[in-house]
C-alpha atoms as a PDB file:
ATOM      1  CA  MET A   1      16.958   7.012  -3.163  1.00  0.00           C
ATOM      2  CA  ASP A   2      13.086   6.919  -2.598  1.00  0.00           C
ATOM      3  CA  SER A   3      11.829   9.902  -1.639  1.00  0.00           C
ATOM      4  CA  ASN A   4       8.505   9.007  -1.804  1.00  0.00           C
ATOM      5  CA  LYS A   5       9.211   6.484   0.296  1.00  0.00           C
ATOM      6  CA  TYR A   6       7.496   8.099   3.888  1.00  0.00           C
ATOM      7  CA  GLN A   7       5.599  10.736   4.424  1.00  0.00           C
ATOM      8  CA  ILE A   8       6.740  14.340   5.823  1.00  0.00           C
ATOM      9  CA  GLU A   9       4.178  15.882   8.171  1.00  0.00           C
ATOM     10  CA  ARG A  10       4.889  19.700   8.792  1.00  0.00           C
ATOM     11  CA  ARG A  11       2.935  20.576  11.687  1.00  0.00           C
ATOM     12  CA  TYR A  12       4.668  23.763  13.853  1.00  0.00           C
ATOM     13  CA  ILE A  13       4.338  24.990  17.169  1.00  0.00           C
ATOM     14  CA  ASN A  14       3.488  28.039  18.105  1.00  0.00           C
ATOM     15  CA  LYS A  15       6.762  30.967  17.513  1.00  0.00           C
ATOM     16  CA  ARG A  16       8.023  31.582  21.336  1.00  0.00           C
ATOM     17  CA  SER A  17      11.930  32.825  21.901  1.00  0.00           C
ATOM     18  CA  ASN A  18      11.871  29.350  24.719  1.00  0.00           C
ATOM     19  CA  VAL A  19      11.109  27.205  22.156  1.00  0.00           C
ATOM     20  CA  ARG A  20      11.438  28.620  18.120  1.00  0.00           C
ATOM     21  CA  PRO A  21      12.250  32.218  17.970  1.00  0.00           C
ATOM     22  CA  GLY A  22      11.444  31.773  14.301  1.00  0.00           C
ATOM     23  CA  ILE A  23      14.651  32.872  12.992  1.00  0.00           C
ATOM     24  CA  ARG A  24      16.877  30.808   9.734  1.00  0.00           C
ATOM     25  CA  LEU A  25      19.448  28.879  10.080  1.00  0.00           C
ATOM     26  CA  VAL A  26      22.054  30.691   9.524  1.00  0.00           C
ATOM     27  CA  THR A  27      24.245  28.360   6.964  1.00  0.00           C
ATOM     28  CA  GLY A  28      20.389  28.882   5.345  1.00  0.00           C
ATOM     29  CA  GLY A  29      20.218  24.748   5.043  1.00  0.00           C
ATOM     30  CA  PRO A  30      21.859  22.922   7.955  1.00  0.00           C
ATOM     31  CA  ALA A  31      25.404  22.621   7.936  1.00  0.00           C
ATOM     32  CA  PHE A  32      24.859  18.971  10.063  1.00  0.00           C
ATOM     33  CA  LEU A  33      22.543  17.089  11.293  1.00  0.00           C
ATOM     34  CA  VAL A  34      22.950  16.092  14.921  1.00  0.00           C
ATOM     35  CA  ALA A  35      20.579  12.891  16.258  1.00  0.00           C
ATOM     36  CA  HIS A  36      19.261  12.420  19.593  1.00  0.00           C
ATOM     37  CA  ASP A  37      16.408  10.328  21.096  1.00  0.00           C
ATOM     38  CA  THR A  38      13.930  11.855  23.067  1.00  0.00           C
ATOM     39  CA  GLY A  39      14.930  10.643  26.344  1.00  0.00           C
ATOM     40  CA  ASN A  40      11.511  10.427  27.328  1.00  0.00           C
ATOM     41  CA  PRO A  41      10.151   7.059  26.871  1.00  0.00           C
ATOM     42  CA  GLY A  42       7.187   5.787  25.554  1.00  0.00           C
ATOM     43  CA  ALA A  43       6.029   9.774  23.986  1.00  0.00           C
ATOM     44  CA  SER A  44       5.091   9.583  20.578  1.00  0.00           C
ATOM     45  CA  ALA A  45       6.226  12.487  18.124  1.00  0.00           C
ATOM     46  CA  GLU A  46       2.420  13.862  19.256  1.00  0.00           C
ATOM     47  CA  ASN A  47       3.283  13.770  22.693  1.00  0.00           C
ATOM     48  CA  HIS A  48       6.561  16.000  21.837  1.00  0.00           C
ATOM     49  CA  PHE A  49       4.770  18.641  19.440  1.00  0.00           C
ATOM     50  CA  SER A  50       1.686  19.126  22.050  1.00  0.00           C
ATOM     51  CA  TYR A  51       4.417  19.359  25.083  1.00  0.00           C
ATOM     52  CA  PHE A  52       7.059  22.008  23.107  1.00  0.00           C
ATOM     53  CA  ASN A  53       3.586  23.869  21.563  1.00  0.00           C
ATOM     54  CA  THR A  54       2.785  24.986  24.971  1.00  0.00           C
ATOM     55  CA  GLN A  55       6.539  25.208  26.846  1.00  0.00           C
ATOM     56  CA  THR A  56       7.444  28.178  28.578  1.00  0.00           C
ATOM     57  CA  ASP A  57       9.309  27.854  31.287  1.00  0.00           C
ATOM     58  CA  ARG A  58      12.383  26.160  29.808  1.00  0.00           C
ATOM     59  CA  THR A  59      14.421  27.369  26.615  1.00  0.00           C
ATOM     60  CA  ALA A  60      14.629  23.503  24.766  1.00  0.00           C
ATOM     61  CA  SER A  61      12.876  22.450  21.409  1.00  0.00           C
ATOM     62  CA  ALA A  62      13.727  20.410  18.100  1.00  0.00           C
ATOM     63  CA  GLN A  63      13.000  21.187  14.446  1.00  0.00           C
ATOM     64  CA  VAL A  64      11.947  17.163  13.839  1.00  0.00           C
ATOM     65  CA  PHE A  65      10.319  14.081  15.391  1.00  0.00           C
ATOM     66  CA  ILE A  66       9.641  10.787  14.463  1.00  0.00           C
ATOM     67  CA  ASP A  67       8.317   7.378  16.328  1.00  0.00           C
ATOM     68  CA  ASP A  68       6.860   4.131  13.775  1.00  0.00           C
ATOM     69  CA  LYS A  69       3.930   6.163  12.784  1.00  0.00           C
ATOM     70  CA  GLN A  70       5.669   9.431  11.693  1.00  0.00           C
ATOM     71  CA  ILE A  71       7.695  12.070  10.837  1.00  0.00           C
ATOM     72  CA  LEU A  72       6.865  15.331  12.648  1.00  0.00           C
ATOM     73  CA  GLU A  73       8.484  18.131  11.669  1.00  0.00           C
ATOM     74  CA  ILE A  74       8.232  20.849  14.487  1.00  0.00           C
ATOM     75  CA  ILE A  75      10.010  24.257  13.435  1.00  0.00           C
ATOM     76  CA  PRO A  76      10.790  24.388   9.338  1.00  0.00           C
ATOM     77  CA  ALA A  77      13.810  22.122   8.632  1.00  0.00           C
ATOM     78  CA  GLY A  78      14.122  23.142   5.135  1.00  0.00           C
ATOM     79  CA  THR A  79      12.790  19.919   3.735  1.00  0.00           C
ATOM     80  CA  GLY A  80       9.354  21.603   2.737  1.00  0.00           C
ATOM     81  CA  PRO A  81       8.424  25.433   1.033  1.00  0.00           C
ATOM     82  CA  ASP A  82       9.568  27.136   4.489  1.00  0.00           C
ATOM     83  CA  PRO A  83      13.348  27.840   4.860  1.00  0.00           C
ATOM     84  CA  ALA A  84      14.706  25.942   8.106  1.00  0.00           C
ATOM     85  CA  GLU A  85      14.685  27.342  11.332  1.00  0.00           C
ATOM     86  CA  GLN A  86      16.988  27.676  14.190  1.00  0.00           C
ATOM     87  CA  ALA A  87      15.997  25.953  17.811  1.00  0.00           C
ATOM     88  CA  PHE A  88      17.379  25.041  20.862  1.00  0.00           C
ATOM     89  CA  HIS A  89      18.718  20.995  21.042  1.00  0.00           C
ATOM     90  CA  VAL A  90      22.118  21.278  22.098  1.00  0.00           C
ATOM     91  CA  ILE A  91      23.732  23.602  24.792  1.00  0.00           C
ATOM     92  CA  ARG A  92      24.933  26.686  24.089  1.00  0.00           C
ATOM     93  CA  ASN A  93      28.320  26.248  26.498  1.00  0.00           C
ATOM     94  CA  VAL A  94      29.055  23.354  24.552  1.00  0.00           C
ATOM     95  CA  THR A  95      31.731  24.036  21.851  1.00  0.00           C
ATOM     96  CA  THR A  96      32.795  21.020  20.182  1.00  0.00           C
ATOM     97  CA  ASP A  97      29.894  21.449  17.420  1.00  0.00           C
ATOM     98  CA  ASN A  98      31.998  24.908  16.600  1.00  0.00           C
ATOM     99  CA  GLU A  99      35.399  23.293  16.901  1.00  0.00           C
ATOM    100  CA  LEU A 100      33.622  20.011  14.255  1.00  0.00           C
ATOM    101  CA  PHE A 101      31.989  22.217  12.559  1.00  0.00           C
ATOM    102  CA  GLY A 102      32.888  26.068  12.693  1.00  0.00           C
ATOM    103  CA  TYR A 103      28.869  27.151  14.184  1.00  0.00           C
ATOM    104  CA  ASP A 104      26.633  26.747  17.099  1.00  0.00           C
ATOM    105  CA  ALA A 105      24.375  23.630  16.653  1.00  0.00           C
ATOM    106  CA  ASN A 106      20.995  25.719  17.700  1.00  0.00           C
ATOM    107  CA  HIS A 107      22.451  28.841  14.659  1.00  0.00           C
ATOM    108  CA  ALA A 108      23.370  25.913  11.497  1.00  0.00           C
ATOM    109  CA  ALA A 109      22.015  22.310  12.332  1.00  0.00           C
ATOM    110  CA  LEU A 110      18.908  20.308  12.405  1.00  0.00           C
ATOM    111  CA  GLY A 111      18.182  18.894  15.872  1.00  0.00           C
ATOM    112  CA  ILE A 112      16.093  14.904  15.106  1.00  0.00           C
ATOM    113  CA  GLU A 113      15.043  13.332  17.369  1.00  0.00           C
ATOM    114  CA  LEU A 114      14.067   9.567  17.995  1.00  0.00           C
ATOM    115  CA  CYS A 115      11.197   8.250  19.592  1.00  0.00           C
ATOM    116  CA  TYR A 116      11.508   4.615  21.329  1.00  0.00           C
ATOM    117  CA  GLY A 117      10.412   2.726  24.059  1.00  0.00           C
ATOM    118  CA  GLY A 118       6.689   2.100  25.642  1.00  0.00           C
ATOM    119  CA  LYS A 119       4.715   0.843  22.875  1.00  0.00           C
ATOM    120  CA  ILE A 120       6.254   2.322  20.557  1.00  0.00           C
ATOM    121  CA  ASP A 121       8.061  -0.129  17.519  1.00  0.00           C
ATOM    122  CA  PHE A 122      11.684   0.250  17.336  1.00  0.00           C
ATOM    123  CA  ALA A 123      12.294  -1.213  13.836  1.00  0.00           C
ATOM    124  CA  ALA A 124       9.545   0.759  12.632  1.00  0.00           C
ATOM    125  CA  ALA A 125      10.653   4.224  13.973  1.00  0.00           C
ATOM    126  CA  TYR A 126      14.124   3.365  13.310  1.00  0.00           C
ATOM    127  CA  THR A 127      13.974   2.761   9.663  1.00  0.00           C
ATOM    128  CA  ARG A 128      11.941   6.491   9.600  1.00  0.00           C
ATOM    129  CA  LEU A 129      14.616   7.801  10.978  1.00  0.00           C
ATOM    130  CA  VAL A 130      17.906   6.386   8.510  1.00  0.00           C
ATOM    131  CA  TRP A 131      15.548   7.429   5.470  1.00  0.00           C
ATOM    132  CA  TYR A 132      14.895  11.236   7.153  1.00  0.00           C
ATOM    133  CA  LEU A 133      18.501  11.312   7.141  1.00  0.00           C
ATOM    134  CA  ALA A 134      18.905  10.055   4.053  1.00  0.00           C
ATOM    135  CA  ILE A 135      16.572  12.249   2.802  1.00  0.00           C
ATOM    136  CA  CYS A 136      18.565  15.336   4.390  1.00  0.00           C
ATOM    137  CA  CYS A 137      22.554  14.464   3.407  1.00  0.00           C
ATOM    138  CA  THR A 138      20.318  13.419  -0.118  1.00  0.00           C
ATOM    139  CA  LYS A 139      19.186  17.541  -0.877  1.00  0.00           C
ATOM    140  CA  TRP A 140      21.567  18.693   0.755  1.00  0.00           C
ATOM    141  CA  GLY A 141      25.318  16.880  -0.296  1.00  0.00           C
ATOM    142  CA  LYS A 142      26.352  16.027   2.777  1.00  0.00           C
ATOM    143  CA  THR A 143      28.013  13.072   3.698  1.00  0.00           C
ATOM    144  CA  PRO A 144      26.586  10.481   6.615  1.00  0.00           C
ATOM    145  CA  SER A 145      29.998   9.898   8.589  1.00  0.00           C
ATOM    146  CA  THR A 146      31.242  13.308   8.618  1.00  0.00           C
ATOM    147  CA  HIS A 147      27.969  15.382   9.067  1.00  0.00           C
ATOM    148  CA  ILE A 148      25.709  13.326  11.307  1.00  0.00           C
ATOM    149  CA  VAL A 149      26.526  13.007  14.858  1.00  0.00           C
ATOM    150  CA  SER A 150      25.046  12.294  17.470  1.00  0.00           C
ATOM    151  CA  HIS A 151      24.114  14.386  20.659  1.00  0.00           C
ATOM    152  CA  LYS A 152      26.620  12.425  22.934  1.00  0.00           C
ATOM    153  CA  GLN A 153      29.513  13.175  20.486  1.00  0.00           C
ATOM    154  CA  LEU A 154      29.316  17.138  20.838  1.00  0.00           C
ATOM    155  CA  ASP A 155      28.010  17.098  25.241  1.00  0.00           C
ATOM    156  CA  PRO A 156      29.966  13.765  26.288  1.00  0.00           C
ATOM    157  CA  ALA A 157      30.278  14.369  29.600  1.00  0.00           C
ATOM    158  CA  ARG A 158      26.206  15.104  29.977  1.00  0.00           C
ATOM    159  CA  LYS A 159      24.296  13.005  27.300  1.00  0.00           C
ATOM    160  CA  SER A 160      23.953   9.729  25.836  1.00  0.00           C
ATOM    161  CA  ASP A 161      21.845  10.494  23.406  1.00  0.00           C
ATOM    162  CA  ILE A 162      21.503   9.255  20.480  1.00  0.00           C
ATOM    163  CA  ASP A 163      23.080   6.106  21.756  1.00  0.00           C
ATOM    164  CA  GLN A 164      20.402   5.175  24.142  1.00  0.00           C
ATOM    165  CA  ALA A 165      17.840   4.580  22.084  1.00  0.00           C
ATOM    166  CA  LEU A 166      20.136   2.642  19.458  1.00  0.00           C
ATOM    167  CA  ALA A 167      21.278   0.015  21.837  1.00  0.00           C
ATOM    168  CA  ALA A 168      17.896  -0.177  23.666  1.00  0.00           C
ATOM    169  CA  GLY A 169      16.900  -1.286  19.650  1.00  0.00           C
ATOM    170  CA  GLY A 170      20.253  -3.307  19.229  1.00  0.00           C
ATOM    171  CA  LYS A 171      21.853  -0.710  17.031  1.00  0.00           C
ATOM    172  CA  THR A 172      24.700   1.347  17.235  1.00  0.00           C
ATOM    173  CA  LEU A 173      25.904   5.580  16.093  1.00  0.00           C
ATOM    174  CA  GLY A 174      28.163   3.099  13.466  1.00  0.00           C
ATOM    175  CA  ASP A 175      25.412   0.893  12.691  1.00  0.00           C
ATOM    176  CA  LEU A 176      22.660   4.255  11.486  1.00  0.00           C
ATOM    177  CA  ILE A 177      25.605   5.911   9.403  1.00  0.00           C
ATOM    178  CA  ARG A 178      26.248   2.904   7.113  1.00  0.00           C
ATOM    179  CA  ASP A 179      22.229   2.288   7.316  1.00  0.00           C
ATOM    180  CA  VAL A 180      22.193   5.741   5.679  1.00  0.00           C
ATOM    181  CA  THR A 181      24.417   5.204   3.423  1.00  0.00           C
ATOM    182  CA  ALA A 182      22.369   2.163   2.738  1.00  0.00           C
ATOM    183  CA  GLU A 183      19.716   4.089   1.652  1.00  0.00           C
ATOM    184  CA  MET A 184      20.873   7.211  -0.190  1.00  0.00           C
ATOM    185  CA  ALA A 185      22.521   4.369  -3.107  1.00  0.00           C
ATOM    186  CA  THR A 186      19.125   2.479  -2.859  1.00  0.00           C
ATOM    187  CA  GLN A 187      18.017   2.733  -6.221  1.00  0.00           C
ATOM    188  CA  VAL A 188      14.299   2.844  -7.074  1.00  0.00           C
ATOM    189  CA  ARG A 189      13.067   0.247  -9.879  1.00  0.00           C
ATOM    190  CA  PRO A 190      11.089   2.956 -12.657  1.00  0.00           C
ATOM    191  CA  VAL A 191       7.210   1.288 -13.108  1.00  0.00           C
ATOM    192  CA  PRO A 192       7.145  -0.088 -16.975  1.00  0.00           C
ATOM    193  CA  ALA A 193       4.732   1.422 -19.310  1.00  0.00           C
ATOM    194  CA  ALA A 194       2.068  -0.837 -20.391  1.00  0.00           C
ATOM    195  CA  ALA A 195       2.191  -2.626 -23.081  1.00  0.00           C
ATOM    196  CA  LYS A 196       0.983  -1.378 -25.990  1.00  0.00           C
ATOM    197  CA  LEU A 197      -1.013  -4.015 -27.712  1.00  0.00           C
ATOM    198  CA  GLN A 198      -1.097  -4.414 -31.257  1.00  0.00           C
ATOM    199  CA  ALA A 199      -3.936  -2.940 -33.886  1.00  0.00           C
ATOM    200  CA  ASP A 200      -3.824  -6.762 -35.905  1.00  0.00           C
ATOM    201  CA  ILE A 201      -4.385  -8.441 -32.155  1.00  0.00           C
ATOM    202  CA  CYS A 202      -6.814  -6.011 -31.807  1.00  0.00           C
ATOM    203  CA  ASP A 203      -8.515  -6.349 -34.734  1.00  0.00           C
ATOM    204  CA  HIS A 204      -8.901 -10.335 -34.286  1.00  0.00           C
ATOM    205  CA  VAL A 205      -9.940  -9.913 -31.127  1.00  0.00           C
ATOM    206  CA  ILE A 206     -12.826  -7.627 -31.841  1.00  0.00           C
ATOM    207  CA  VAL A 207     -14.036  -9.134 -34.768  1.00  0.00           C
ATOM    208  CA  SER A 208     -13.566 -12.620 -34.441  1.00  0.00           C
ATOM    209  CA  TYR A 209     -14.945 -12.826 -30.385  1.00  0.00           C
ATOM    210  CA  ILE A 210     -16.234  -9.494 -29.453  1.00  0.00           C
ATOM    211  CA  GLN A 211     -18.525  -8.112 -32.383  1.00  0.00           C
ATOM    212  CA  PRO A 212     -19.770 -11.873 -32.354  1.00  0.00           C
ATOM    213  CA  ALA A 213     -20.766 -11.289 -29.194  1.00  0.00           C
ATOM    214  CA  ARG A 214     -22.194  -7.955 -29.683  1.00  0.00           C
ATOM    215  CA  HIS A 215     -24.523  -9.210 -32.209  1.00  0.00           C
ATOM    216  CA  ALA A 216     -25.685 -12.513 -30.200  1.00  0.00           C
ATOM    217  CA  ALA A 217     -26.920  -9.926 -27.684  1.00  0.00           C
ATOM    218  CA  LEU A 218     -28.666  -7.580 -29.524  1.00  0.00           C
ATOM    219  CA  GLN A 219     -30.557 -10.730 -30.997  1.00  0.00           C
ATOM    220  CA  GLN A 220     -31.436 -12.265 -28.012  1.00  0.00           C
ATOM    221  CA  GLY A 221     -32.879  -8.115 -27.133  1.00  0.00           C
ATOM    222  CA  LEU A 222     -29.864  -7.863 -24.068  1.00  0.00           C
ATOM    223  CA  ARG A 223     -29.040  -4.077 -24.935  1.00  0.00           C
ATOM    224  CA  GLU A 224     -27.413  -3.616 -21.620  1.00  0.00           C
ATOM    225  CA  GLU A 225     -24.911  -6.621 -22.694  1.00  0.00           C
ATOM    226  CA  ALA A 226     -24.791  -5.628 -25.587  1.00  0.00           C
ATOM    227  CA  GLY A 227     -23.643  -2.248 -24.131  1.00  0.00           C
ATOM    228  CA  HIS A 228     -20.898  -4.537 -21.869  1.00  0.00           C
ATOM    229  CA  PHE A 229     -19.492  -5.153 -25.470  1.00  0.00           C
ATOM    230  CA  GLU A 230     -19.364  -2.467 -26.824  1.00  0.00           C
ATOM    231  CA  ARG A 231     -17.284  -0.378 -23.445  1.00  0.00           C
ATOM    232  CA  LEU A 232     -15.240  -4.063 -24.085  1.00  0.00           C
ATOM    233  CA  ALA A 233     -14.121  -3.649 -27.783  1.00  0.00           C
ATOM    234  CA  ALA A 234     -13.309   0.429 -26.775  1.00  0.00           C
ATOM    235  CA  ASN A 235     -10.757  -1.050 -24.291  1.00  0.00           C
ATOM    236  CA  VAL A 236      -8.845  -2.861 -26.641  1.00  0.00           C
ATOM    237  CA  ARG A 237      -8.999  -0.224 -28.749  1.00  0.00           C
ATOM    238  CA  ALA A 238      -6.958   2.205 -26.573  1.00  0.00           C
ATOM    239  CA  ALA A 239      -4.858  -0.892 -25.294  1.00  0.00           C
ATOM    240  CA  ALA A 240      -3.662  -1.269 -29.075  1.00  0.00           C
ATOM    241  CA  ALA A 241      -2.783   3.097 -28.693  1.00  0.00           C
ATOM    242  CA  GLY A 242      -1.081   2.290 -26.030  1.00  0.00           C
ATOM    243  CA  ALA A 243      -3.575   3.634 -23.702  1.00  0.00           C
ATOM    244  CA  GLY A 244      -3.641  -0.315 -21.228  1.00  0.00           C
ATOM    245  CA  LEU A 245      -6.444  -2.364 -20.937  1.00  0.00           C
ATOM    246  CA  SER A 246      -9.598  -1.780 -18.279  1.00  0.00           C
ATOM    247  CA  LYS A 247     -11.542  -3.457 -16.995  1.00  0.00           C
ATOM    248  CA  SER A 248     -15.379  -2.872 -19.162  1.00  0.00           C
ATOM    249  CA  THR A 249     -18.254  -4.008 -15.753  1.00  0.00           C
ATOM    250  CA  PRO A 250     -21.330  -4.436 -17.767  1.00  0.00           C
ATOM    251  CA  ARG A 251     -24.139  -1.860 -15.650  1.00  0.00           C
ATOM    252  CA  ARG A 252     -26.547  -3.185 -13.128  1.00  0.00           C
ATOM    253  CA  SER A 253     -30.354  -4.069 -14.745  1.00  0.00           C
ATOM    254  CA  SER A 254     -32.957  -3.958 -13.130  1.00  0.00           C
ATOM    255  CA  SER A 255     -34.852  -6.495 -15.276  1.00  0.00           C
ATOM    256  CA  THR A 256     -35.731  -9.535 -13.815  1.00  0.00           C
ATOM    257  CA  GLY A 257     -36.708 -13.204 -14.662  1.00  0.00           C
ATOM    258  CA  SER A 258     -34.576 -16.106 -14.622  1.00  0.00           C
ATOM    259  CA  ARG A 259     -34.847 -17.503 -18.059  1.00  0.00           C
ATOM    260  CA  ARG A 260     -33.477 -13.671 -19.266  1.00  0.00           C
ATOM    261  CA  HIS A 261     -31.005 -13.731 -16.355  1.00  0.00           C
ATOM    262  CA  GLY A 262     -30.034 -17.362 -18.060  1.00  0.00           C
ATOM    263  CA  SER A 263     -29.513 -16.020 -20.839  1.00  0.00           C
ATOM    264  CA  LYS A 264     -27.214 -13.280 -20.348  1.00  0.00           C
ATOM    265  CA  LEU A 265     -25.389 -16.439 -18.372  1.00  0.00           C
ATOM    266  CA  LYS A 266     -24.528 -18.003 -21.168  1.00  0.00           C
ATOM    267  CA  LEU A 267     -23.627 -15.615 -23.278  1.00  0.00           C
ATOM    268  CA  ARG A 268     -21.234 -14.638 -21.036  1.00  0.00           C
ATOM    269  CA  ALA A 269     -20.106 -18.322 -20.365  1.00  0.00           C
ATOM    270  CA  GLU A 270     -19.866 -18.501 -24.261  1.00  0.00           C
ATOM    271  CA  THR A 271     -17.693 -14.742 -24.391  1.00  0.00           C
ATOM    272  CA  ARG A 272     -15.625 -15.660 -22.048  1.00  0.00           C
ATOM    273  CA  ALA A 273     -14.657 -19.153 -23.680  1.00  0.00           C
ATOM    274  CA  ASN A 274     -14.195 -18.067 -26.844  1.00  0.00           C
ATOM    275  CA  ILE A 275     -11.498 -15.362 -25.124  1.00  0.00           C
ATOM    276  CA  ILE A 276     -10.009 -18.509 -23.100  1.00  0.00           C
ATOM    277  CA  LYS A 277      -9.618 -20.138 -26.273  1.00  0.00           C
ATOM    278  CA  TRP A 278      -8.204 -17.252 -28.141  1.00  0.00           C
ATOM    279  CA  GLN A 279      -5.597 -16.297 -25.319  1.00  0.00           C
ATOM    280  CA  MET A 280      -4.435 -20.350 -25.112  1.00  0.00           C
ATOM    281  CA  HIS A 281      -4.056 -20.390 -28.694  1.00  0.00           C
ATOM    282  CA  SER A 282      -2.078 -17.232 -29.158  1.00  0.00           C
ATOM    283  CA  GLY A 283      -0.483 -17.218 -25.771  1.00  0.00           C
ATOM    284  CA  ARG A 284      -1.255 -14.367 -24.287  1.00  0.00           C
ATOM    285  CA  VAL A 285      -3.557 -12.894 -21.312  1.00  0.00           C
ATOM    286  CA  LEU A 286      -5.668 -10.198 -22.734  1.00  0.00           C
ATOM    287  CA  VAL A 287      -8.337  -9.456 -20.426  1.00  0.00           C
ATOM    288  CA  SER A 288     -10.639 -11.485 -17.800  1.00  0.00           C
ATOM    289  CA  HIS A 289     -14.047  -9.900 -16.658  1.00  0.00           C
END
């Protein structure tokens, strides 16, 4: 999968006993992943960071909040350099998590919250959620169908997330599981290396086209233009060495006068025409200036 598809922002709330106790997950990495929604339509990941960073009158939190613009870890989740810490995202007296996974969710799982509703673009937020869950499953060797659980599954008498937010966007928990699985299987095509220009072609272009153009520029007293062709020749030699081609941009001239300017334009046009003729003859597109 593409591990660079989105950026994970890590900006942590202050440690306090009711939101971020600062205790590592008892399992090191998460034993499972709990998919939540915020139950707060229209509120962004940033809004929830601000809320939990100042929350003092209730015990609640989650490690991650995802909206249509960012993936924000407000408590270390273990995806970066900081070890995963505990959060308070599932009520303690519910025992389904212990029965299914052998651990209390707050002690051993990540709480991952989907922001939805209002002006939040569901599709954009959803694709980020899918990718983040896929990143977690890949990193810790988890299977989506057995290690991703909704808050509703753990506490069906009280909770309806993440199902309610998914339904608002025309998705189900089953869709989420399948999409995470598909994301994990996505193949990333490597970027091909720059093609190396053949040495004989390099010599031919420089000797037959670039050097005559440089010589003509010097004869007309156009030293800056001559420098342009020198840089162009250097770029072509670099391409023959496997570095790929880059543009050689002539420096701005401080000279004025329509006659001198016209000579430059004529020289450029003639050189451009010669290179185009060579490209058409050889069937290769080399460089554009």
